[in-house]
């Protein structure tokens, strides 16, 4: 006869481990199996996009609570750690239990050059749970300047022209004058 074994495996964080499954038959038979369990990192829980200008710090904040009804110590890390334009505060602390306001996280973006792609992951870890956020630092959308009227007037006031006698002089055709000469 065949044996069907249903196992529900839903870890809240990545892990790897081995377990022993021991099956005992009522007639005295005993079978031991070694099972290796693996849970890879999950897809990001959300995407956080921060708009920032060169040399200026922009930030976004959000609140997070523990998934359970107890406090939980956490660590927060931006990966890759070599990307210094994206930072998170606090990096360690305690997440309050579910149903409370939560712990405030601030993600900062300070770009240093144009043309560079600023992308990272924010990983917040507790003993039982892991949250992953995709961080994306972008630049403001360029808006070309609109049409602006000139601020310099290049025409004389009509009253001033009349006072100087400029407007009353008949215009002379200099080309005709030079041909006749």
N, C-alpha and C. Protein backbone atom coordinates (compact mmCIF):
# COMPACT_ATOMS: atom_id res chain seq x y z
N UNK A 1 0.83 -1.20 0.00
CA UNK A 1 0.00 0.00 0.00
C UNK A 1 0.87 1.26 0.00
N UNK A 2 0.36 2.28 -0.61
CA UNK A 2 1.09 3.56 -0.71
C UNK A 2 0.78 4.43 0.51
N UNK A 3 1.72 5.28 0.81
CA UNK A 3 1.56 6.19 1.93
C UNK A 3 1.61 7.62 1.41
N UNK A 4 0.59 8.39 1.74
CA UNK A 4 0.55 9.80 1.34
C UNK A 4 0.75 10.65 2.59
N UNK A 5 1.64 11.60 2.49
CA UNK A 5 1.94 12.46 3.62
C UNK A 5 1.80 13.90 3.16
N UNK A 6 0.90 14.65 3.78
CA UNK A 6 0.69 16.06 3.43
C UNK A 6 1.39 16.93 4.47
N UNK A 7 2.24 17.81 3.98
CA UNK A 7 3.00 18.69 4.86
C UNK A 7 2.74 20.12 4.44
N UNK A 8 2.39 20.96 5.40
CA UNK A 8 2.19 22.38 5.14
C UNK A 8 3.43 23.11 5.66
N UNK A 9 4.16 23.73 4.73
CA UNK A 9 5.42 24.39 5.06
C UNK A 9 5.31 25.84 4.58
N UNK A 10 5.10 26.78 5.51
CA UNK A 10 4.95 28.19 5.17
C UNK A 10 5.77 29.06 6.12
N UNK A 11 7.08 29.05 5.97
CA UNK A 11 7.91 29.87 6.87
C UNK A 11 7.76 31.35 6.53
N UNK A 12 7.97 32.19 7.50
CA UNK A 12 7.83 33.64 7.34
C UNK A 12 9.17 34.32 7.07
N UNK A 13 10.19 33.52 6.91
CA UNK A 13 11.53 34.04 6.60
C UNK A 13 12.32 32.94 5.91
N UNK A 14 13.40 33.27 5.21
CA UNK A 14 14.19 32.22 4.56
C UNK A 14 14.86 31.32 5.59
N UNK A 15 14.95 30.05 5.25
CA UNK A 15 15.64 29.12 6.14
C UNK A 15 16.02 27.86 5.38
N UNK A 16 16.98 27.15 5.93
CA UNK A 16 17.39 25.84 5.41
C UNK A 16 17.60 24.95 6.63
N UNK A 17 17.14 23.73 6.52
CA UNK A 17 17.31 22.82 7.64
C UNK A 17 16.94 21.39 7.28
N UNK A 18 17.31 20.46 8.15
CA UNK A 18 16.99 19.05 7.95
C UNK A 18 16.10 18.60 9.09
N UNK A 19 15.12 17.78 8.75
CA UNK A 19 14.23 17.21 9.77
C UNK A 19 14.20 15.69 9.58
N UNK A 20 13.88 15.00 10.65
CA UNK A 20 13.73 13.55 10.60
C UNK A 20 12.25 13.24 10.66
N UNK A 21 11.79 12.48 9.72
CA UNK A 21 10.41 12.01 9.74
C UNK A 21 10.46 10.51 10.07
N UNK A 22 9.82 10.14 11.17
CA UNK A 22 9.82 8.75 11.61
C UNK A 22 8.40 8.22 11.52
N UNK A 23 8.23 7.18 10.73
CA UNK A 23 6.92 6.53 10.59
C UNK A 23 6.96 5.20 11.34
N UNK A 24 5.96 5.01 12.17
CA UNK A 24 5.88 3.78 12.95
C UNK A 24 4.58 3.07 12.61
N UNK A 25 4.70 1.81 12.26
CA UNK A 25 3.52 1.01 11.94
C UNK A 25 3.05 0.29 13.20
N UNK A 26 1.76 0.03 13.27
CA UNK A 26 1.19 -0.63 14.47
C UNK A 26 1.74 -2.04 14.66
N UNK A 27 2.21 -2.68 13.58
CA UNK A 27 2.74 -4.04 13.70
C UNK A 27 4.21 -4.05 14.14
N UNK A 28 4.79 -2.87 14.32
CA UNK A 28 6.16 -2.81 14.82
C UNK A 28 7.17 -2.28 13.83
N UNK A 29 6.81 -2.02 12.60
CA UNK A 29 7.76 -1.49 11.62
C UNK A 29 8.06 -0.01 11.89
N UNK A 30 9.28 0.35 11.62
CA UNK A 30 9.68 1.74 11.85
C UNK A 30 10.60 2.19 10.72
N UNK A 31 10.25 3.35 10.12
CA UNK A 31 11.04 3.88 9.00
C UNK A 31 11.44 5.32 9.30
N UNK A 32 12.68 5.63 9.04
CA UNK A 32 13.19 6.97 9.30
C UNK A 32 13.60 7.58 7.95
N UNK A 33 13.13 8.82 7.74
CA UNK A 33 13.48 9.55 6.52
C UNK A 33 14.08 10.90 6.91
N UNK A 34 15.10 11.29 6.16
CA UNK A 34 15.69 12.62 6.36
C UNK A 34 15.14 13.53 5.27
N UNK A 35 14.59 14.64 5.68
CA UNK A 35 14.01 15.60 4.74
C UNK A 35 14.72 16.93 4.89
N UNK A 36 15.16 17.46 3.77
CA UNK A 36 15.81 18.77 3.80
C UNK A 36 14.78 19.82 3.36
N UNK A 37 14.60 20.82 4.21
CA UNK A 37 13.65 21.90 3.93
C UNK A 37 14.42 23.15 3.54
N UNK A 38 13.90 23.86 2.55
CA UNK A 38 14.54 25.09 2.10
C UNK A 38 13.46 26.11 1.74
N UNK A 39 13.60 27.31 2.27
CA UNK A 39 12.71 28.41 1.92
C UNK A 39 13.60 29.56 1.46
N UNK A 40 13.51 29.90 0.20
CA UNK A 40 14.31 31.00 -0.36
C UNK A 40 13.69 32.34 0.02
N UNK A 41 14.46 33.42 -0.13
CA UNK A 41 13.89 34.75 0.17
C UNK A 41 12.66 35.01 -0.69
N UNK A 42 11.69 35.67 -0.11
CA UNK A 42 10.44 35.95 -0.78
C UNK A 42 10.58 37.13 -1.74
N UNK A 43 9.58 37.33 -2.55
CA UNK A 43 9.51 38.51 -3.41
C UNK A 43 9.33 39.73 -2.51
N UNK A 44 9.72 40.92 -2.96
CA UNK A 44 9.55 42.12 -2.12
C UNK A 44 8.09 42.33 -1.72
N UNK A 45 7.90 42.77 -0.48
CA UNK A 45 6.56 43.06 0.02
C UNK A 45 5.98 44.32 -0.62
N UNK A 46 6.86 45.25 -0.98
CA UNK A 46 6.39 46.51 -1.56
C UNK A 46 7.56 47.21 -2.24
N UNK A 47 7.25 48.23 -3.03
CA UNK A 47 8.26 49.05 -3.68
C UNK A 47 8.19 50.45 -3.10
N UNK A 48 9.33 50.97 -2.68
CA UNK A 48 9.40 52.32 -2.14
C UNK A 48 10.22 53.16 -3.12
N UNK A 49 9.56 54.16 -3.73
CA UNK A 49 10.23 55.03 -4.69
C UNK A 49 10.41 56.40 -4.06
N UNK A 50 11.66 56.89 -4.10
CA UNK A 50 11.98 58.18 -3.50
C UNK A 50 12.53 59.09 -4.60
N UNK A 51 11.97 60.28 -4.72
CA UNK A 51 12.42 61.26 -5.70
C UNK A 51 13.38 62.22 -5.01
N UNK A 52 14.59 62.39 -5.58
CA UNK A 52 15.58 63.26 -4.96
C UNK A 52 16.44 63.96 -5.98
N UNK A 53 17.00 65.09 -5.59
CA UNK A 53 17.90 65.87 -6.44
C UNK A 53 19.33 65.70 -5.96
N UNK A 54 20.27 65.96 -6.84
CA UNK A 54 21.69 65.81 -6.54
C UNK A 54 22.06 66.65 -5.32
N UNK A 55 22.73 66.01 -4.36
CA UNK A 55 23.23 66.70 -3.18
C UNK A 55 22.18 67.04 -2.13
N UNK A 56 20.92 66.67 -2.36
CA UNK A 56 19.86 66.95 -1.38
C UNK A 56 19.29 65.63 -0.89
N UNK A 57 18.94 65.58 0.39
CA UNK A 57 18.38 64.37 0.97
C UNK A 57 16.86 64.42 0.96
N UNK A 58 16.26 63.39 0.37
CA UNK A 58 14.80 63.22 0.40
C UNK A 58 14.51 61.98 1.22
N UNK A 59 13.35 61.95 1.86
CA UNK A 59 13.05 60.78 2.69
C UNK A 59 11.58 60.40 2.60
N UNK A 60 11.34 59.14 2.92
CA UNK A 60 10.00 58.56 2.98
C UNK A 60 9.94 57.80 4.30
N UNK A 61 8.80 57.87 4.99
CA UNK A 61 8.69 57.12 6.25
C UNK A 61 7.46 56.23 6.22
N UNK A 62 7.53 55.17 7.00
CA UNK A 62 6.40 54.25 7.15
C UNK A 62 6.49 53.59 8.52
N UNK A 63 5.38 53.03 8.97
CA UNK A 63 5.32 52.36 10.27
C UNK A 63 5.16 50.86 10.05
N UNK A 64 5.79 50.08 10.94
CA UNK A 64 5.73 48.63 10.84
C UNK A 64 5.56 48.03 12.23
N UNK A 65 4.68 47.04 12.35
CA UNK A 65 4.50 46.33 13.62
C UNK A 65 4.90 44.87 13.44
N UNK A 66 5.10 44.20 14.55
CA UNK A 66 5.36 42.77 14.52
C UNK A 66 4.09 42.07 14.06
N UNK A 67 4.24 40.91 13.46
CA UNK A 67 3.09 40.15 12.98
C UNK A 67 2.35 39.47 14.12
N UNK A 68 3.01 39.34 15.27
CA UNK A 68 2.43 38.64 16.41
C UNK A 68 2.11 39.60 17.54
N UNK A 69 1.47 39.11 18.60
CA UNK A 69 1.06 39.94 19.73
C UNK A 69 2.16 40.09 20.78
N UNK A 70 3.37 40.28 20.35
CA UNK A 70 4.49 40.47 21.27
C UNK A 70 5.52 41.37 20.60
N UNK A 71 6.33 42.01 21.42
CA UNK A 71 7.44 42.81 20.89
C UNK A 71 8.46 41.88 20.23
N UNK A 72 9.20 42.42 19.24
CA UNK A 72 10.24 41.63 18.59
C UNK A 72 11.42 42.54 18.25
N UNK A 73 12.60 42.11 18.60
CA UNK A 73 13.82 42.85 18.23
C UNK A 73 14.02 42.71 16.73
N UNK A 74 14.51 43.79 16.10
CA UNK A 74 14.72 43.75 14.65
C UNK A 74 16.07 44.35 14.29
N UNK A 75 16.51 44.01 13.08
CA UNK A 75 17.63 44.68 12.43
C UNK A 75 17.15 45.07 11.04
N UNK A 76 17.58 46.23 10.58
CA UNK A 76 17.21 46.71 9.24
C UNK A 76 18.50 46.95 8.47
N UNK A 77 18.51 46.52 7.21
CA UNK A 77 19.73 46.60 6.41
C UNK A 77 19.37 46.93 4.96
N UNK A 78 20.13 47.86 4.36
CA UNK A 78 19.98 48.16 2.94
C UNK A 78 21.04 47.35 2.20
N UNK A 79 20.61 46.55 1.23
CA UNK A 79 21.51 45.70 0.46
C UNK A 79 21.48 46.13 -0.99
N UNK A 80 22.57 46.42 -1.68
CA UNK A 80 23.93 46.23 -1.24
C UNK A 80 24.38 47.33 -0.28
N UNK A 81 25.24 46.97 0.62
CA UNK A 81 25.70 47.93 1.63
C UNK A 81 26.65 48.97 1.05
N UNK A 82 27.18 48.72 -0.15
CA UNK A 82 28.08 49.68 -0.78
C UNK A 82 27.34 50.88 -1.36
N UNK A 83 26.02 50.78 -1.52
CA UNK A 83 25.22 51.87 -2.05
C UNK A 83 24.88 52.83 -0.90
N UNK A 84 25.64 53.91 -0.79
CA UNK A 84 25.47 54.83 0.34
C UNK A 84 24.40 55.89 0.08
N UNK A 85 23.87 55.97 -1.12
CA UNK A 85 22.86 56.98 -1.43
C UNK A 85 21.51 56.64 -0.79
N UNK A 86 21.28 55.37 -0.47
CA UNK A 86 20.04 54.93 0.17
C UNK A 86 20.37 54.43 1.57
N UNK A 87 19.68 54.99 2.56
CA UNK A 87 19.92 54.62 3.96
C UNK A 87 18.58 54.41 4.67
N UNK A 88 18.62 53.68 5.79
CA UNK A 88 17.43 53.47 6.60
C UNK A 88 17.76 53.79 8.05
N UNK A 89 16.77 54.34 8.75
CA UNK A 89 16.87 54.59 10.19
C UNK A 89 15.58 54.11 10.82
N UNK A 90 15.57 53.51 11.94
CA UNK A 90 16.68 52.96 12.73
C UNK A 90 17.17 51.65 12.12
N UNK A 91 18.39 51.26 12.47
CA UNK A 91 18.93 50.00 11.96
C UNK A 91 18.69 48.85 12.94
N UNK A 92 18.44 49.16 14.20
CA UNK A 92 18.07 48.14 15.18
C UNK A 92 17.01 48.74 16.09
N UNK A 93 16.28 47.87 16.76
CA UNK A 93 15.25 48.34 17.69
C UNK A 93 14.26 47.23 18.00
N UNK A 94 13.08 47.65 18.44
CA UNK A 94 12.03 46.70 18.81
C UNK A 94 10.75 47.05 18.08
N UNK A 95 10.18 46.05 17.40
CA UNK A 95 8.89 46.25 16.75
C UNK A 95 7.80 46.01 17.78
N UNK A 96 6.86 46.95 17.92
CA UNK A 96 5.76 46.73 18.85
C UNK A 96 4.79 45.66 18.32
N UNK A 97 3.94 45.12 19.18
CA UNK A 97 3.02 44.05 18.76
C UNK A 97 1.98 44.52 17.76
N UNK A 98 1.37 43.56 17.10
CA UNK A 98 0.30 43.79 16.13
C UNK A 98 -0.83 44.59 16.78
N UNK A 99 -1.39 45.53 16.05
CA UNK A 99 -2.51 46.31 16.56
C UNK A 99 -2.10 47.63 17.17
N UNK A 100 -0.80 47.92 17.24
CA UNK A 100 -0.32 49.19 17.77
C UNK A 100 0.12 50.07 16.60
N UNK A 101 0.57 51.31 16.91
CA UNK A 101 0.98 52.24 15.86
C UNK A 101 2.20 51.72 15.09
N UNK A 102 3.12 51.08 15.75
CA UNK A 102 4.28 50.52 15.09
C UNK A 102 5.52 51.37 15.24
N UNK A 103 6.60 50.87 14.71
CA UNK A 103 7.90 51.54 14.74
C UNK A 103 8.04 52.32 13.43
N UNK A 104 8.49 53.57 13.55
CA UNK A 104 8.64 54.42 12.36
C UNK A 104 10.01 54.18 11.72
N UNK A 105 9.98 53.82 10.43
CA UNK A 105 11.20 53.66 9.64
C UNK A 105 11.29 54.82 8.66
N UNK A 106 12.50 55.36 8.51
CA UNK A 106 12.74 56.46 7.58
C UNK A 106 13.78 55.99 6.57
N UNK A 107 13.42 56.05 5.29
CA UNK A 107 14.33 55.68 4.22
C UNK A 107 14.77 56.99 3.55
N UNK A 108 16.08 57.22 3.49
CA UNK A 108 16.63 58.46 2.92
C UNK A 108 17.34 58.19 1.61
N UNK A 109 17.24 59.18 0.70
CA UNK A 109 17.89 59.09 -0.61
C UNK A 109 18.67 60.37 -0.85
N UNK A 110 20.00 60.25 -1.02
CA UNK A 110 20.87 61.39 -1.30
C UNK A 110 21.72 61.04 -2.52
N UNK A 111 21.24 61.34 -3.74
CA UNK A 111 22.03 60.99 -4.93
C UNK A 111 23.25 61.88 -5.07
N UNK A 112 24.30 61.33 -5.67
CA UNK A 112 25.55 62.08 -5.84
C UNK A 112 25.89 62.32 -7.30
N UNK A 113 25.22 61.63 -8.22
CA UNK A 113 25.51 61.85 -9.63
C UNK A 113 24.31 61.45 -10.48
N UNK A 114 24.20 62.12 -11.66
CA UNK A 114 23.14 61.80 -12.61
C UNK A 114 23.52 60.58 -13.42
N UNK A 115 22.53 59.92 -13.99
CA UNK A 115 22.78 58.80 -14.88
C UNK A 115 22.99 57.48 -14.17
N UNK A 116 23.13 57.49 -12.88
CA UNK A 116 23.36 56.26 -12.11
C UNK A 116 22.00 55.71 -11.67
N UNK A 117 21.87 54.39 -11.70
CA UNK A 117 20.65 53.75 -11.24
C UNK A 117 20.78 53.49 -9.74
N UNK A 118 19.86 54.01 -8.97
CA UNK A 118 19.87 53.82 -7.52
C UNK A 118 18.78 52.82 -7.16
N UNK A 119 19.16 51.59 -6.93
CA UNK A 119 18.21 50.53 -6.62
C UNK A 119 18.83 49.61 -5.57
N UNK A 120 18.03 49.24 -4.58
CA UNK A 120 18.52 48.38 -3.50
C UNK A 120 17.34 47.66 -2.87
N UNK A 121 17.63 46.85 -1.86
CA UNK A 121 16.59 46.18 -1.09
C UNK A 121 16.75 46.56 0.38
N UNK A 122 15.62 46.82 1.02
CA UNK A 122 15.59 47.03 2.46
C UNK A 122 15.08 45.73 3.08
N UNK A 123 15.88 45.15 3.97
CA UNK A 123 15.50 43.90 4.64
C UNK A 123 15.37 44.18 6.12
N UNK A 124 14.18 43.92 6.66
CA UNK A 124 13.92 44.08 8.09
C UNK A 124 13.70 42.68 8.65
N UNK A 125 14.56 42.28 9.58
CA UNK A 125 14.58 40.91 10.12
C UNK A 125 14.20 40.88 11.59
N UNK A 126 13.33 39.93 11.96
CA UNK A 126 13.12 39.57 13.37
C UNK A 126 13.41 38.08 13.48
N UNK A 127 13.28 37.53 14.65
CA UNK A 127 13.55 36.10 14.83
C UNK A 127 12.54 35.24 14.07
N UNK A 128 11.30 35.74 13.92
CA UNK A 128 10.26 34.92 13.29
C UNK A 128 9.87 35.37 11.89
N UNK A 129 10.21 36.60 11.50
CA UNK A 129 9.65 37.18 10.28
C UNK A 129 10.71 37.98 9.54
N UNK A 130 10.49 38.13 8.23
CA UNK A 130 11.36 38.98 7.42
C UNK A 130 10.50 39.76 6.42
N UNK A 131 10.76 41.07 6.35
CA UNK A 131 10.10 41.94 5.37
C UNK A 131 11.15 42.40 4.39
N UNK A 132 10.80 42.41 3.11
CA UNK A 132 11.71 42.86 2.05
C UNK A 132 11.01 43.94 1.24
N UNK A 133 11.68 45.08 1.08
CA UNK A 133 11.16 46.18 0.28
C UNK A 133 12.15 46.51 -0.82
N UNK A 134 11.65 46.75 -2.01
CA UNK A 134 12.51 47.19 -3.11
C UNK A 134 12.60 48.71 -3.03
N UNK A 135 13.82 49.24 -2.96
CA UNK A 135 14.04 50.69 -2.90
C UNK A 135 14.48 51.18 -4.27
N UNK A 136 13.89 52.27 -4.71
CA UNK A 136 14.24 52.85 -6.00
C UNK A 136 14.38 54.36 -5.84
N UNK A 137 15.59 54.87 -6.06
CA UNK A 137 15.84 56.30 -6.02
C UNK A 137 15.79 56.87 -7.42
N UNK A 138 14.92 57.84 -7.64
CA UNK A 138 14.76 58.43 -8.97
C UNK A 138 14.92 59.94 -8.89
N UNK A 139 15.13 60.54 -10.05
CA UNK A 139 15.28 61.99 -10.14
C UNK A 139 13.96 62.62 -10.52
N UNK A 140 13.76 63.91 -10.18
CA UNK A 140 12.52 64.58 -10.58
C UNK A 140 12.40 64.61 -12.09
N UNK A 141 11.18 64.56 -12.58
CA UNK A 141 10.93 64.63 -14.02
C UNK A 141 11.33 66.01 -14.52
N UNK A 142 12.11 66.05 -15.61
CA UNK A 142 12.59 67.33 -16.14
C UNK A 142 11.46 68.08 -16.80
N UNK A 143 11.32 69.34 -16.46
CA UNK A 143 10.34 70.22 -17.08
C UNK A 143 11.10 71.40 -17.67
N UNK A 144 11.12 71.49 -19.02
CA UNK A 144 11.84 72.61 -19.63
C UNK A 144 11.17 73.92 -19.26
N UNK A 145 11.96 74.98 -19.20
CA UNK A 145 11.37 76.27 -18.86
C UNK A 145 10.39 76.73 -19.94
N UNK A 146 9.34 77.42 -19.52
CA UNK A 146 8.34 77.92 -20.45
C UNK A 146 8.84 79.19 -21.14
N UNK A 147 8.06 79.69 -22.12
CA UNK A 147 8.42 80.91 -22.84
C UNK A 147 8.37 82.09 -21.86
N UNK A 148 9.45 82.83 -21.85
CA UNK A 148 9.56 83.97 -20.96
C UNK A 148 9.76 85.21 -21.82
N UNK A 149 9.00 86.27 -21.53
CA UNK A 149 9.18 87.52 -22.27
C UNK A 149 10.51 88.15 -21.90
N UNK A 150 11.10 88.82 -22.88
CA UNK A 150 12.35 89.52 -22.62
C UNK A 150 12.14 90.65 -21.63
N UNK A 151 13.12 90.93 -20.84
CA UNK A 151 13.00 91.98 -19.83
C UNK A 151 13.68 93.27 -20.26
N UNK A 152 14.31 93.25 -21.45
CA UNK A 152 14.99 94.43 -21.94
C UNK A 152 14.14 95.04 -23.05
N UNK A 153 13.83 96.33 -22.92
CA UNK A 153 13.09 97.02 -23.98
C UNK A 153 14.08 97.60 -24.96
N UNK A 154 13.89 97.29 -26.25
CA UNK A 154 14.81 97.78 -27.27
C UNK A 154 14.20 98.91 -28.12
N UNK A 155 13.04 99.36 -27.80
CA UNK A 155 12.36 100.43 -28.54
C UNK A 155 12.25 101.67 -27.67
N UNK A 156 12.38 102.81 -28.32
CA UNK A 156 12.19 104.07 -27.61
C UNK A 156 10.71 104.34 -27.44
N UNK A 157 10.39 105.03 -26.40
CA UNK A 157 9.02 105.44 -26.17
C UNK A 157 8.61 106.38 -27.31
N UNK A 158 7.39 106.26 -27.90
CA UNK A 158 7.00 107.12 -29.03
C UNK A 158 7.10 108.61 -28.69
N UNK A 159 6.79 109.03 -27.48
CA UNK A 159 6.89 110.44 -27.10
C UNK A 159 8.34 110.92 -27.13
N UNK A 160 9.26 110.03 -26.71
CA UNK A 160 10.68 110.38 -26.72
C UNK A 160 11.20 110.51 -28.15
N UNK A 161 10.76 109.57 -29.03
CA UNK A 161 11.16 109.66 -30.45
C UNK A 161 10.71 110.98 -31.06
N UNK A 162 9.50 111.36 -30.76
CA UNK A 162 8.96 112.62 -31.31
C UNK A 162 9.72 113.81 -30.77
N UNK A 163 10.06 113.79 -29.49
CA UNK A 163 10.82 114.88 -28.88
C UNK A 163 12.22 115.00 -29.47
N UNK A 164 12.81 113.87 -29.85
CA UNK A 164 14.15 113.89 -30.45
C UNK A 164 14.10 114.14 -31.96
N UNK A 165 12.92 114.10 -32.53
CA UNK A 165 12.77 114.34 -33.96
C UNK A 165 13.13 113.13 -34.79
N UNK A 166 13.21 111.97 -34.20
CA UNK A 166 13.60 110.76 -34.93
C UNK A 166 12.46 110.28 -35.79
N UNK A 167 11.26 110.30 -35.28
CA UNK A 167 10.12 109.77 -36.01
C UNK A 167 9.68 110.66 -37.16
N UNK A 168 10.03 111.98 -37.17
CA UNK A 168 9.56 112.90 -38.19
C UNK A 168 10.47 112.96 -39.41
N UNK A 169 11.67 112.41 -39.32
CA UNK A 169 12.60 112.42 -40.44
C UNK A 169 12.15 111.45 -41.51
N UNK A 170 12.15 111.86 -42.76
CA UNK A 170 11.81 110.91 -43.82
C UNK A 170 12.95 109.90 -43.98
N UNK A 171 12.59 108.68 -44.24
CA UNK A 171 13.63 107.68 -44.41
C UNK A 171 14.26 107.84 -45.80
N UNK A 172 15.53 107.59 -45.89
CA UNK A 172 16.26 107.78 -47.14
C UNK A 172 16.63 106.42 -47.70
N UNK A 173 16.49 106.23 -49.00
CA UNK A 173 16.87 105.00 -49.67
C UNK A 173 18.34 105.12 -50.02
N UNK A 174 19.19 104.55 -49.17
CA UNK A 174 20.63 104.69 -49.33
C UNK A 174 21.14 103.91 -50.54
N UNK A 175 20.54 102.83 -50.90
CA UNK A 175 20.96 102.07 -52.07
C UNK A 175 20.77 102.91 -53.33
N UNK A 176 19.60 103.54 -53.48
CA UNK A 176 19.32 104.40 -54.63
C UNK A 176 20.28 105.58 -54.64
N UNK A 177 20.53 106.17 -53.47
CA UNK A 177 21.43 107.32 -53.36
C UNK A 177 22.84 106.96 -53.82
N UNK A 178 23.32 105.75 -53.42
CA UNK A 178 24.68 105.31 -53.79
C UNK A 178 24.78 104.97 -55.26
N UNK A 179 23.72 104.48 -55.90
CA UNK A 179 23.73 104.14 -57.33
C UNK A 179 23.79 105.42 -58.16
N UNK A 180 23.07 106.41 -57.73
CA UNK A 180 23.05 107.68 -58.47
C UNK A 180 24.36 108.44 -58.34
N UNK A 181 25.10 108.20 -57.34
CA UNK A 181 26.33 108.98 -57.12
C UNK A 181 27.45 108.63 -58.03
